[in-house]
């Protein structure tokens, strides 16, 4: 039912908010924890999908990208972070009405995910992520 769907979405948002708060607290104690930054960014990307307005979604996604870039400064070969950076750019493309700018985000997303695949070719999640970017780009 609709009520159950909204309740599940509300619970998901609460869980993501808690995850962000925990990551923020961890960051205060250890700003060089690339895993924590990646977790925090992942929560922000997911939370961005549930925002009431596109500008809020864009802001959360850009905050996530900033955290992912920070994580890569600490640990440049963290391929799950690189793949998540691709996912974040995919969402930016979806939130962007300007087709030319959206295309740039899709290209960037593809480049990041391909970089992760090149380093870990056996990773099925990365390959599936790339497939999804291509599918979303095609649909849009």
Protein backbone atom coordinates (compact mmCIF):
# COMPACT_ATOMS: atom_id res chain seq x y z
CA UNK A 1 0.00 0.00 0.00
CA UNK A 2 0.96 3.63 -0.35
CA UNK A 3 1.15 4.13 3.43
CA UNK A 4 3.58 1.23 3.73
CA UNK A 5 5.70 2.59 0.89
CA UNK A 6 5.90 6.02 2.53
CA UNK A 7 6.71 4.42 5.89
CA UNK A 8 9.52 2.42 4.29
CA UNK A 9 10.89 5.53 2.55
CA UNK A 10 10.69 7.48 5.81
CA UNK A 11 12.56 4.72 7.63
CA UNK A 12 15.20 4.59 4.88
CA UNK A 13 15.73 8.36 5.19
CA UNK A 14 16.06 8.08 8.97
CA UNK A 15 18.61 5.28 8.57
CA UNK A 16 20.60 7.32 6.04
CA UNK A 17 20.46 10.39 8.30
CA UNK A 18 21.83 8.31 11.18
CA UNK A 19 24.57 6.94 8.95
CA UNK A 20 25.52 10.49 7.91
CA UNK A 21 25.62 11.64 11.54
CA UNK A 22 27.78 8.68 12.57
CA UNK A 23 30.14 9.32 9.64
CA UNK A 24 30.32 13.00 10.53
CA UNK A 25 31.26 12.12 14.12
CA UNK A 26 33.86 9.63 12.91
CA UNK A 27 35.27 12.25 10.54
CA UNK A 28 35.69 14.69 13.44
CA UNK A 29 37.92 12.13 15.16
CA UNK A 30 39.67 10.77 12.08
CA UNK A 31 39.43 12.92 8.94
CA UNK A 32 41.81 10.61 7.06
CA UNK A 33 39.49 7.59 7.16
CA UNK A 34 38.81 7.01 3.46
CA UNK A 35 36.34 4.20 4.20
CA UNK A 36 34.29 6.50 6.42
CA UNK A 37 34.31 9.26 3.81
CA UNK A 38 33.12 6.78 1.20
CA UNK A 39 30.36 5.49 3.48
CA UNK A 40 29.28 9.05 4.27
CA UNK A 41 29.23 9.97 0.58
CA UNK A 42 27.24 6.87 -0.32
CA UNK A 43 24.63 7.79 2.27
CA UNK A 44 24.46 11.34 0.91
CA UNK A 45 24.00 10.10 -2.67
CA UNK A 46 21.17 7.81 -1.57
CA UNK A 47 19.61 10.44 0.69
CA UNK A 48 19.70 12.90 -2.19
CA UNK A 49 17.25 10.72 -4.07
CA UNK A 50 14.62 11.31 -1.38
CA UNK A 51 14.77 15.10 -1.26
CA UNK A 52 11.68 17.18 -1.95
CA UNK A 53 13.40 19.46 -4.45
CA UNK A 54 16.01 19.00 -7.15
CA UNK A 55 18.29 21.73 -5.72
CA UNK A 56 18.45 19.84 -2.41
CA UNK A 57 19.24 16.61 -4.27
CA UNK A 58 21.97 18.36 -6.27
CA UNK A 59 23.49 19.89 -3.12
CA UNK A 60 23.62 16.52 -1.33
CA UNK A 61 25.12 14.84 -4.38
CA UNK A 62 27.77 17.54 -4.77
CA UNK A 63 28.57 17.21 -1.05
CA UNK A 64 28.99 13.49 -1.64
CA UNK A 65 31.33 14.12 -4.58
CA UNK A 66 33.43 16.40 -2.40
CA UNK A 67 33.75 13.67 0.24
CA UNK A 68 34.63 11.07 -2.39
CA UNK A 69 37.33 13.31 -3.83
CA UNK A 70 38.66 13.83 -0.30
CA UNK A 71 38.71 10.05 0.24
CA UNK A 72 40.70 9.61 -2.97
CA UNK A 73 43.28 12.12 -1.77
CA UNK A 74 43.83 9.83 1.22
CA UNK A 75 43.61 6.56 -0.70
CA UNK A 76 43.88 7.10 -4.49
CA UNK A 77 43.46 3.43 -5.40
CA UNK A 78 40.17 2.94 -3.57
CA UNK A 79 38.17 1.62 -6.49
CA UNK A 80 34.81 1.36 -4.71
CA UNK A 81 35.14 5.09 -4.06
CA UNK A 82 35.93 5.72 -7.72
CA UNK A 83 32.89 3.67 -8.77
CA UNK A 84 30.68 5.58 -6.30
CA UNK A 85 31.99 8.82 -7.78
CA UNK A 86 30.61 7.55 -11.08
CA UNK A 87 27.25 6.81 -9.47
CA UNK A 88 27.13 10.31 -7.98
CA UNK A 89 27.78 11.86 -11.39
CA UNK A 90 25.02 9.68 -12.84
CA UNK A 91 22.56 11.18 -10.36
CA UNK A 92 23.80 14.68 -11.14
CA UNK A 93 23.02 13.95 -14.78
CA UNK A 94 19.50 12.90 -13.83
CA UNK A 95 18.97 16.06 -11.77
CA UNK A 96 20.24 18.31 -14.57
CA UNK A 97 17.65 19.61 -17.05
CA UNK A 98 20.27 20.98 -19.46
CA UNK A 99 20.95 18.08 -21.85
CA UNK A 100 24.49 19.19 -22.71
CA UNK A 101 25.51 19.47 -19.04
CA UNK A 102 23.75 16.19 -18.23
CA UNK A 103 25.72 14.52 -21.02
CA UNK A 104 28.95 15.80 -19.46
CA UNK A 105 27.95 14.22 -16.14
CA UNK A 106 27.15 10.92 -17.87
CA UNK A 107 30.54 10.95 -19.62
CA UNK A 108 32.29 11.65 -16.31
CA UNK A 109 30.30 8.88 -14.62
CA UNK A 110 31.30 6.42 -17.33
CA UNK A 111 34.96 7.42 -17.07
CA UNK A 112 35.06 6.88 -13.31
CA UNK A 113 33.30 3.54 -13.41
CA UNK A 114 35.44 2.36 -16.33
CA UNK A 115 38.53 3.32 -14.33
CA UNK A 116 37.34 1.07 -11.49
CA UNK A 117 36.60 -1.76 -13.95
CA UNK A 118 40.04 -1.42 -15.54
CA UNK A 119 41.67 -1.91 -12.13
CA UNK A 120 39.33 -4.70 -10.98
CA UNK A 121 37.96 -6.33 -14.15
CA UNK A 122 36.44 -9.23 -12.23
CA UNK A 123 34.22 -6.97 -10.14
CA UNK A 124 30.65 -7.68 -11.25
CA UNK A 125 29.26 -4.71 -9.28
CA UNK A 126 31.39 -2.27 -11.26
CA UNK A 127 30.35 -3.83 -14.56
CA UNK A 128 26.69 -3.67 -13.52
CA UNK A 129 27.15 -0.03 -12.49
CA UNK A 130 28.46 0.79 -15.95
CA UNK A 131 25.55 -1.05 -17.56
CA UNK A 132 23.12 1.01 -15.46
CA UNK A 133 24.76 4.29 -16.48
CA UNK A 134 24.43 3.32 -20.13
CA UNK A 135 20.80 2.28 -19.64
CA UNK A 136 19.87 5.45 -17.73
CA UNK A 137 21.60 7.60 -20.32
CA UNK A 138 19.73 5.84 -23.10
CA UNK A 139 16.35 6.27 -21.37
CA UNK A 140 16.95 9.93 -20.64
